[in-house]
């Protein structure tokens, strides 16, 4: 096995966009994927990054990524990690790449004394739900996601 998980670098911006587009297509959300290479360069590799990314390589070829950021739990009084995106190319699924990306972030949580590791999964995505449960993930069905964006965000944020 030749699997390497490495931190993304600025020259990975186009690759990260490719992974985001492939994830959006899989999730039937391509119409929402608007991020550009410039956005990735600014937000992951600018002066004060607030989002981070790891690239999974199988036998030297990039086959997946995880994109994440730190959160904070007022109940725990500790930071955590929010996994925004996890994607593995279809031809690399079943090789342990997704698990390795999750383990990498779980190890970071343990190393840094973080209290939580969380993410969303679409309710129709049974293969991912089964995979996450097999890794110890617990579905938080009692919570409902809330989003304000577009014109509603502009109205809410208006002076």
N, C-alpha and C. Protein backbone atom coordinates (compact mmCIF):
# COMPACT_ATOMS: atom_id res chain seq x y z
N UNK A 1 0.85 -1.19 0.00
CA UNK A 1 0.00 0.00 0.00
C UNK A 1 0.88 1.23 0.00
N UNK A 2 0.52 2.18 -0.82
CA UNK A 2 1.27 3.43 -0.88
C UNK A 2 0.29 4.59 -0.77
N UNK A 3 -0.13 4.86 0.47
CA UNK A 3 -1.07 5.95 0.73
C UNK A 3 -0.36 6.99 1.57
N UNK A 4 -0.42 8.24 1.10
CA UNK A 4 0.18 9.36 1.81
C UNK A 4 -0.89 10.42 1.99
N UNK A 5 -0.99 10.96 3.21
CA UNK A 5 -1.85 12.11 3.48
C UNK A 5 -0.90 13.27 3.74
N UNK A 6 -1.06 14.35 2.96
CA UNK A 6 -0.17 15.50 3.11
C UNK A 6 -0.99 16.78 3.17
N UNK A 7 -0.41 17.81 3.76
CA UNK A 7 -1.05 19.12 3.76
C UNK A 7 -1.07 19.67 2.34
N UNK A 8 -2.17 20.30 1.99
CA UNK A 8 -2.27 20.93 0.67
C UNK A 8 -1.31 22.10 0.59
N UNK A 9 -0.87 22.39 -0.61
CA UNK A 9 0.02 23.52 -0.89
C UNK A 9 -0.64 24.41 -1.92
N UNK A 10 -0.18 25.66 -2.05
CA UNK A 10 -0.81 26.58 -3.01
C UNK A 10 -0.92 26.01 -4.43
N UNK A 11 0.04 25.22 -4.86
CA UNK A 11 -0.06 24.69 -6.23
C UNK A 11 -1.10 23.58 -6.35
N UNK A 12 -1.80 23.25 -5.24
CA UNK A 12 -2.90 22.29 -5.27
C UNK A 12 -4.26 22.96 -5.50
N UNK A 13 -4.30 24.26 -5.68
CA UNK A 13 -5.59 24.97 -5.78
C UNK A 13 -6.47 24.40 -6.88
N UNK A 14 -5.93 24.16 -8.06
CA UNK A 14 -6.74 23.61 -9.17
C UNK A 14 -7.23 22.21 -8.82
N UNK A 15 -6.39 21.42 -8.18
CA UNK A 15 -6.78 20.07 -7.75
C UNK A 15 -7.92 20.13 -6.75
N UNK A 16 -7.82 21.03 -5.79
CA UNK A 16 -8.87 21.18 -4.77
C UNK A 16 -10.18 21.57 -5.44
N UNK A 17 -10.13 22.48 -6.39
CA UNK A 17 -11.34 22.86 -7.13
C UNK A 17 -11.90 21.65 -7.88
N UNK A 18 -11.04 20.82 -8.47
CA UNK A 18 -11.52 19.62 -9.16
C UNK A 18 -12.23 18.69 -8.19
N UNK A 19 -11.64 18.49 -7.00
CA UNK A 19 -12.28 17.63 -6.00
C UNK A 19 -13.62 18.22 -5.54
N UNK A 20 -13.67 19.54 -5.34
CA UNK A 20 -14.92 20.19 -4.93
C UNK A 20 -15.99 20.00 -6.00
N UNK A 21 -15.63 20.17 -7.26
CA UNK A 21 -16.58 19.99 -8.36
C UNK A 21 -17.08 18.55 -8.42
N UNK A 22 -16.18 17.59 -8.23
CA UNK A 22 -16.58 16.18 -8.26
C UNK A 22 -17.49 15.84 -7.09
N UNK A 23 -17.19 16.39 -5.91
CA UNK A 23 -18.05 16.18 -4.75
C UNK A 23 -19.42 16.80 -5.00
N UNK A 24 -19.45 18.01 -5.52
CA UNK A 24 -20.72 18.69 -5.79
C UNK A 24 -21.56 17.88 -6.79
N UNK A 25 -20.90 17.33 -7.79
CA UNK A 25 -21.63 16.51 -8.77
C UNK A 25 -22.20 15.26 -8.09
N UNK A 26 -21.40 14.58 -7.28
CA UNK A 26 -21.86 13.39 -6.56
C UNK A 26 -23.05 13.72 -5.66
N UNK A 27 -23.00 14.88 -5.01
CA UNK A 27 -24.06 15.28 -4.08
C UNK A 27 -25.23 15.96 -4.79
N UNK A 28 -25.18 16.03 -6.11
CA UNK A 28 -26.23 16.66 -6.92
C UNK A 28 -26.37 18.15 -6.56
N UNK A 29 -25.22 18.79 -6.30
CA UNK A 29 -25.20 20.19 -5.89
C UNK A 29 -24.26 21.03 -6.76
N UNK A 30 -24.02 20.59 -7.98
CA UNK A 30 -23.10 21.32 -8.86
C UNK A 30 -23.50 22.78 -9.02
N UNK A 31 -24.79 23.06 -9.00
CA UNK A 31 -25.27 24.44 -9.15
C UNK A 31 -24.83 25.33 -7.99
N UNK A 32 -24.42 24.73 -6.86
CA UNK A 32 -23.97 25.52 -5.71
C UNK A 32 -22.46 25.70 -5.66
N UNK A 33 -21.71 24.95 -6.44
CA UNK A 33 -20.25 24.99 -6.38
C UNK A 33 -19.74 26.17 -7.20
N UNK A 34 -19.40 27.24 -6.52
CA UNK A 34 -18.98 28.48 -7.18
C UNK A 34 -17.55 28.89 -6.82
N UNK A 35 -16.90 28.17 -5.94
CA UNK A 35 -15.55 28.53 -5.50
C UNK A 35 -14.58 28.49 -6.68
N UNK A 36 -13.61 29.39 -6.65
CA UNK A 36 -12.61 29.47 -7.72
C UNK A 36 -11.23 29.15 -7.13
N UNK A 37 -10.26 28.97 -8.02
CA UNK A 37 -8.88 28.79 -7.57
C UNK A 37 -8.43 30.00 -6.75
N UNK A 38 -8.84 31.19 -7.17
CA UNK A 38 -8.46 32.40 -6.43
C UNK A 38 -9.03 32.36 -5.01
N UNK A 39 -10.26 31.87 -4.85
CA UNK A 39 -10.85 31.75 -3.52
C UNK A 39 -10.04 30.79 -2.65
N UNK A 40 -9.67 29.65 -3.23
CA UNK A 40 -8.90 28.65 -2.50
C UNK A 40 -7.53 29.22 -2.11
N UNK A 41 -6.87 29.88 -3.04
CA UNK A 41 -5.56 30.48 -2.73
C UNK A 41 -5.67 31.50 -1.61
N UNK A 42 -6.69 32.35 -1.66
CA UNK A 42 -6.88 33.38 -0.64
C UNK A 42 -7.18 32.76 0.72
N UNK A 43 -8.11 31.82 0.76
CA UNK A 43 -8.62 31.35 2.04
C UNK A 43 -7.82 30.23 2.69
N UNK A 44 -7.13 29.42 1.90
CA UNK A 44 -6.32 28.34 2.47
C UNK A 44 -4.85 28.70 2.61
N UNK A 45 -4.40 29.66 1.78
CA UNK A 45 -2.97 29.92 1.74
C UNK A 45 -2.62 31.39 1.89
N UNK A 46 -3.59 32.22 2.26
CA UNK A 46 -3.34 33.64 2.46
C UNK A 46 -2.61 33.90 3.77
N UNK A 47 -2.57 35.15 4.16
CA UNK A 47 -1.80 35.57 5.33
C UNK A 47 -2.34 34.96 6.64
N UNK A 48 -3.65 34.77 6.73
CA UNK A 48 -4.25 34.29 7.97
C UNK A 48 -5.31 33.22 7.64
N UNK A 49 -4.89 32.03 7.21
CA UNK A 49 -5.87 31.02 6.80
C UNK A 49 -6.77 30.58 7.95
N UNK A 50 -8.03 30.36 7.62
CA UNK A 50 -9.00 29.90 8.61
C UNK A 50 -9.61 28.56 8.20
N UNK A 51 -9.16 28.03 7.08
CA UNK A 51 -9.61 26.73 6.59
C UNK A 51 -8.38 25.98 6.08
N UNK A 52 -8.43 24.66 6.20
CA UNK A 52 -7.24 23.85 5.94
C UNK A 52 -7.61 22.64 5.09
N UNK A 53 -6.62 22.04 4.48
CA UNK A 53 -6.89 20.95 3.55
C UNK A 53 -5.76 19.93 3.55
N UNK A 54 -6.14 18.66 3.48
CA UNK A 54 -5.19 17.58 3.29
C UNK A 54 -5.52 16.89 1.97
N UNK A 55 -4.48 16.43 1.31
CA UNK A 55 -4.60 15.70 0.05
C UNK A 55 -4.18 14.26 0.31
N UNK A 56 -4.97 13.32 -0.19
CA UNK A 56 -4.62 11.91 -0.12
C UNK A 56 -4.04 11.50 -1.46
N UNK A 57 -2.88 10.86 -1.42
CA UNK A 57 -2.25 10.36 -2.64
C UNK A 57 -2.10 8.85 -2.55
N UNK A 58 -2.53 8.17 -3.58
CA UNK A 58 -2.38 6.72 -3.68
C UNK A 58 -1.35 6.45 -4.78
N UNK A 59 -0.26 5.84 -4.41
CA UNK A 59 0.84 5.54 -5.34
C UNK A 59 1.26 6.80 -6.11
N UNK A 60 1.34 7.92 -5.36
CA UNK A 60 1.81 9.18 -5.92
C UNK A 60 0.78 10.00 -6.66
N UNK A 61 -0.44 9.50 -6.80
CA UNK A 61 -1.49 10.21 -7.54
C UNK A 61 -2.53 10.76 -6.55
N UNK A 62 -2.88 12.05 -6.65
CA UNK A 62 -3.92 12.60 -5.77
C UNK A 62 -5.27 11.93 -6.05
N UNK A 63 -5.89 11.38 -4.99
CA UNK A 63 -7.15 10.66 -5.17
C UNK A 63 -8.25 11.14 -4.22
N UNK A 64 -7.94 12.07 -3.32
CA UNK A 64 -8.97 12.53 -2.40
C UNK A 64 -8.49 13.71 -1.58
N UNK A 65 -9.44 14.29 -0.85
CA UNK A 65 -9.08 15.44 0.00
C UNK A 65 -10.04 15.55 1.16
N UNK A 66 -9.58 16.26 2.19
CA UNK A 66 -10.44 16.69 3.29
C UNK A 66 -10.19 18.18 3.47
N UNK A 67 -11.25 18.93 3.65
CA UNK A 67 -11.17 20.37 3.86
C UNK A 67 -11.89 20.65 5.17
N UNK A 68 -11.24 21.36 6.09
CA UNK A 68 -11.76 21.48 7.44
C UNK A 68 -11.39 22.82 8.08
N UNK A 69 -12.02 23.09 9.22
CA UNK A 69 -11.68 24.28 10.00
C UNK A 69 -11.99 24.00 11.48
N UNK A 70 -11.45 24.86 12.34
CA UNK A 70 -11.69 24.73 13.78
C UNK A 70 -13.04 25.33 14.15
N UNK A 71 -13.70 24.68 15.11
CA UNK A 71 -14.93 25.18 15.69
C UNK A 71 -14.69 25.41 17.19
N UNK A 72 -15.73 25.80 17.88
CA UNK A 72 -15.63 25.95 19.33
C UNK A 72 -16.95 25.53 19.96
N UNK A 73 -16.89 24.74 21.01
CA UNK A 73 -18.06 24.34 21.76
C UNK A 73 -18.08 25.09 23.08
N UNK A 74 -19.10 25.93 23.27
CA UNK A 74 -19.23 26.62 24.55
C UNK A 74 -19.59 25.63 25.65
N UNK A 75 -20.28 24.55 25.31
CA UNK A 75 -20.66 23.55 26.31
C UNK A 75 -19.41 22.82 26.81
N UNK A 76 -18.52 22.47 25.92
CA UNK A 76 -17.30 21.77 26.32
C UNK A 76 -16.19 22.73 26.74
N UNK A 77 -16.27 23.97 26.28
CA UNK A 77 -15.18 24.91 26.54
C UNK A 77 -13.92 24.50 25.81
N UNK A 78 -14.10 23.90 24.62
CA UNK A 78 -12.96 23.41 23.85
C UNK A 78 -13.24 23.58 22.36
N UNK A 79 -12.14 23.68 21.62
CA UNK A 79 -12.23 23.70 20.16
C UNK A 79 -12.52 22.30 19.65
N UNK A 80 -12.95 22.24 18.39
CA UNK A 80 -13.15 20.99 17.68
C UNK A 80 -12.79 21.21 16.23
N UNK A 81 -13.04 20.21 15.42
CA UNK A 81 -12.83 20.30 13.98
C UNK A 81 -14.14 20.05 13.27
N UNK A 82 -14.42 20.89 12.30
CA UNK A 82 -15.56 20.71 11.40
C UNK A 82 -15.00 20.27 10.05
N UNK A 83 -15.39 19.10 9.62
CA UNK A 83 -14.99 18.58 8.31
C UNK A 83 -16.00 19.10 7.29
N UNK A 84 -15.60 20.05 6.49
CA UNK A 84 -16.51 20.64 5.50
C UNK A 84 -16.68 19.71 4.31
N UNK A 85 -15.59 19.17 3.81
CA UNK A 85 -15.66 18.29 2.64
C UNK A 85 -14.71 17.11 2.80
N UNK A 86 -15.18 15.96 2.39
CA UNK A 86 -14.36 14.76 2.27
C UNK A 86 -14.75 14.11 0.96
N UNK A 87 -13.76 13.86 0.12
CA UNK A 87 -14.06 13.24 -1.18
C UNK A 87 -12.92 12.34 -1.59
N UNK A 88 -13.28 11.19 -2.15
CA UNK A 88 -12.32 10.25 -2.71
C UNK A 88 -12.80 9.92 -4.12
N UNK A 89 -11.89 10.00 -5.09
CA UNK A 89 -12.24 9.65 -6.46
C UNK A 89 -12.86 8.25 -6.49
N UNK A 90 -13.90 8.05 -7.31
CA UNK A 90 -14.58 6.75 -7.34
C UNK A 90 -13.64 5.57 -7.57
N UNK A 91 -12.64 5.73 -8.43
CA UNK A 91 -11.73 4.60 -8.70
C UNK A 91 -10.82 4.27 -7.53
N UNK A 92 -10.75 5.14 -6.53
CA UNK A 92 -9.90 4.90 -5.37
C UNK A 92 -10.71 4.49 -4.14
N UNK A 93 -12.02 4.41 -4.27
CA UNK A 93 -12.84 4.01 -3.13
C UNK A 93 -12.61 2.54 -2.82
N UNK A 94 -12.65 2.21 -1.55
CA UNK A 94 -12.40 0.84 -1.14
C UNK A 94 -10.95 0.56 -0.82
N UNK A 95 -10.09 1.56 -0.99
CA UNK A 95 -8.66 1.39 -0.72
C UNK A 95 -8.27 1.89 0.67
N UNK A 96 -9.22 2.42 1.42
CA UNK A 96 -8.92 2.95 2.75
C UNK A 96 -8.57 4.42 2.77
N UNK A 97 -8.77 5.09 1.64
CA UNK A 97 -8.40 6.51 1.54
C UNK A 97 -9.30 7.37 2.41
N UNK A 98 -10.62 7.17 2.32
CA UNK A 98 -11.55 7.96 3.13
C UNK A 98 -11.30 7.76 4.61
N UNK A 99 -11.10 6.51 5.00
CA UNK A 99 -10.81 6.23 6.41
C UNK A 99 -9.52 6.92 6.83
N UNK A 100 -8.49 6.86 5.99
CA UNK A 100 -7.21 7.50 6.33
C UNK A 100 -7.38 9.01 6.52
N UNK A 101 -8.19 9.64 5.68
CA UNK A 101 -8.44 11.07 5.83
C UNK A 101 -9.15 11.37 7.15
N UNK A 102 -10.13 10.54 7.52
CA UNK A 102 -10.83 10.71 8.79
C UNK A 102 -9.88 10.48 9.97
N UNK A 103 -9.11 9.41 9.90
CA UNK A 103 -8.17 9.09 10.98
C UNK A 103 -7.17 10.22 11.16
N UNK A 104 -6.70 10.77 10.06
CA UNK A 104 -5.74 11.89 10.13
C UNK A 104 -6.32 13.04 10.94
N UNK A 105 -7.56 13.39 10.69
CA UNK A 105 -8.17 14.51 11.43
C UNK A 105 -8.51 14.11 12.87
N UNK A 106 -8.93 12.86 13.07
CA UNK A 106 -9.19 12.40 14.44
C UNK A 106 -7.90 12.44 15.26
N UNK A 107 -6.80 12.04 14.64
CA UNK A 107 -5.51 12.10 15.34
C UNK A 107 -5.14 13.54 15.69
N UNK A 108 -5.43 14.48 14.80
CA UNK A 108 -5.19 15.89 15.09
C UNK A 108 -6.02 16.31 16.30
N UNK A 109 -7.28 15.89 16.34
CA UNK A 109 -8.14 16.22 17.49
C UNK A 109 -7.54 15.70 18.79
N UNK A 110 -7.10 14.46 18.77
CA UNK A 110 -6.51 13.86 19.97
C UNK A 110 -5.22 14.59 20.36
N UNK A 111 -4.36 14.80 19.38
CA UNK A 111 -3.07 15.47 19.63
C UNK A 111 -3.26 16.86 20.23
N UNK A 112 -4.26 17.59 19.72
CA UNK A 112 -4.47 18.97 20.14
C UNK A 112 -5.46 19.10 21.30
N UNK A 113 -5.97 18.00 21.81
CA UNK A 113 -6.91 18.04 22.93
C UNK A 113 -8.25 18.64 22.56
N UNK A 114 -8.68 18.44 21.33
CA UNK A 114 -9.95 18.99 20.86
C UNK A 114 -11.11 18.10 21.33
N UNK A 115 -12.27 18.71 21.48
CA UNK A 115 -13.41 17.99 22.06
C UNK A 115 -14.35 17.33 21.08
N UNK A 116 -14.35 17.77 19.81
CA UNK A 116 -15.32 17.24 18.85
C UNK A 116 -14.73 17.17 17.45
N UNK A 117 -15.27 16.24 16.69
CA UNK A 117 -14.97 16.11 15.26
C UNK A 117 -16.32 15.88 14.60
N UNK A 118 -16.75 16.85 13.79
CA UNK A 118 -18.12 16.82 13.26
C UNK A 118 -18.16 17.13 11.78
N UNK A 119 -19.28 16.72 11.14
CA UNK A 119 -19.52 17.04 9.73
C UNK A 119 -20.95 16.70 9.39
N UNK A 120 -21.39 17.16 8.24
CA UNK A 120 -22.72 16.84 7.69
C UNK A 120 -22.61 15.67 6.74
N UNK A 121 -23.68 14.94 6.60
CA UNK A 121 -23.82 13.95 5.53
C UNK A 121 -25.26 14.04 5.05
N UNK A 122 -25.44 14.03 3.74
CA UNK A 122 -26.79 14.11 3.18
C UNK A 122 -27.59 12.88 3.58
N UNK A 123 -28.87 13.08 3.92
CA UNK A 123 -29.67 11.97 4.45
C UNK A 123 -29.93 10.86 3.44
N UNK A 124 -29.76 11.12 2.15
CA UNK A 124 -29.95 10.08 1.14
C UNK A 124 -28.66 9.32 0.84
N UNK A 125 -27.54 9.76 1.37
CA UNK A 125 -26.25 9.18 1.04
C UNK A 125 -25.95 7.96 1.92
N UNK A 126 -26.69 6.89 1.68
CA UNK A 126 -26.59 5.69 2.50
C UNK A 126 -25.19 5.08 2.56
N UNK A 127 -24.43 5.03 1.43
CA UNK A 127 -23.08 4.47 1.55
C UNK A 127 -22.19 5.26 2.52
N UNK A 128 -22.28 6.59 2.46
CA UNK A 128 -21.47 7.41 3.37
C UNK A 128 -21.96 7.29 4.80
N UNK A 129 -23.27 7.26 5.00
CA UNK A 129 -23.81 7.11 6.35
C UNK A 129 -23.33 5.81 6.97
N UNK A 130 -23.40 4.73 6.20
CA UNK A 130 -22.94 3.43 6.71
C UNK A 130 -21.45 3.48 7.02
N UNK A 131 -20.67 4.10 6.15
CA UNK A 131 -19.23 4.21 6.38
C UNK A 131 -18.96 5.01 7.66
N UNK A 132 -19.60 6.17 7.81
CA UNK A 132 -19.35 7.00 8.99
C UNK A 132 -19.75 6.27 10.27
N UNK A 133 -20.87 5.55 10.23
CA UNK A 133 -21.28 4.79 11.41
C UNK A 133 -20.26 3.71 11.74
N UNK A 134 -19.69 3.09 10.71
CA UNK A 134 -18.69 2.04 10.95
C UNK A 134 -17.42 2.60 11.58
N UNK A 135 -17.22 3.91 11.46
CA UNK A 135 -16.05 4.57 12.05
C UNK A 135 -16.36 5.18 13.42
N UNK A 136 -17.57 4.93 13.93
CA UNK A 136 -17.94 5.44 15.25
C UNK A 136 -18.77 6.71 15.19
N UNK A 137 -19.12 7.16 13.98
CA UNK A 137 -19.93 8.36 13.84
C UNK A 137 -21.35 8.13 14.35
N UNK A 138 -21.89 9.13 15.01
CA UNK A 138 -23.25 9.07 15.54
C UNK A 138 -24.06 10.17 14.85
N UNK A 139 -25.16 9.78 14.22
CA UNK A 139 -26.01 10.75 13.54
C UNK A 139 -26.72 11.61 14.59
N UNK A 140 -26.73 12.90 14.37
CA UNK A 140 -27.32 13.87 15.29
C UNK A 140 -28.66 14.33 14.74
N UNK A 141 -29.62 13.43 14.68
CA UNK A 141 -30.90 13.71 14.03
C UNK A 141 -31.75 14.76 14.74
N UNK A 142 -31.45 15.03 15.99
CA UNK A 142 -32.27 16.00 16.73
C UNK A 142 -31.95 17.45 16.38
N UNK A 143 -30.92 17.67 15.58
CA UNK A 143 -30.53 19.02 15.19
C UNK A 143 -31.01 19.30 13.77
N UNK A 144 -31.44 20.53 13.53
CA UNK A 144 -31.83 20.97 12.20
C UNK A 144 -30.89 22.06 11.75
N UNK A 145 -30.36 21.89 10.57
CA UNK A 145 -29.45 22.89 10.00
C UNK A 145 -30.22 24.16 9.67
N UNK A 146 -29.62 25.30 9.94
CA UNK A 146 -30.20 26.60 9.60
C UNK A 146 -29.21 27.32 8.71
N UNK A 147 -29.73 27.94 7.64
CA UNK A 147 -28.85 28.69 6.73
C UNK A 147 -29.55 29.98 6.34
N UNK A 148 -28.79 31.05 6.34
CA UNK A 148 -29.23 32.33 5.80
C UNK A 148 -28.20 32.71 4.75
N UNK A 149 -28.63 32.90 3.50
CA UNK A 149 -27.69 33.32 2.45
C UNK A 149 -28.41 34.17 1.42
N UNK A 150 -27.67 34.61 0.42
CA UNK A 150 -28.25 35.40 -0.66
C UNK A 150 -28.92 36.66 -0.18
N UNK A 151 -30.10 36.95 -0.73
CA UNK A 151 -30.84 38.17 -0.39
C UNK A 151 -31.25 38.19 1.08
N UNK A 152 -31.58 37.04 1.64
CA UNK A 152 -31.96 37.00 3.06
C UNK A 152 -30.79 37.41 3.94
N UNK A 153 -29.59 37.00 3.60
CA UNK A 153 -28.39 37.39 4.35
C UNK A 153 -28.16 38.89 4.21
N UNK A 154 -28.32 39.41 3.02
CA UNK A 154 -28.14 40.85 2.79
C UNK A 154 -29.14 41.65 3.63
N UNK A 155 -30.39 41.18 3.68
CA UNK A 155 -31.40 41.89 4.48
C UNK A 155 -31.06 41.80 5.98
N UNK A 156 -30.69 40.62 6.43
CA UNK A 156 -30.39 40.43 7.85
C UNK A 156 -29.17 41.25 8.25
N UNK A 157 -28.21 41.37 7.37
CA UNK A 157 -26.98 42.09 7.68
C UNK A 157 -27.01 43.56 7.33
N UNK A 158 -28.12 44.04 6.82
CA UNK A 158 -28.22 45.46 6.44
C UNK A 158 -28.15 46.34 7.69
N UNK A 159 -27.48 47.50 7.55
CA UNK A 159 -27.39 48.42 8.69
C UNK A 159 -28.74 49.00 9.09
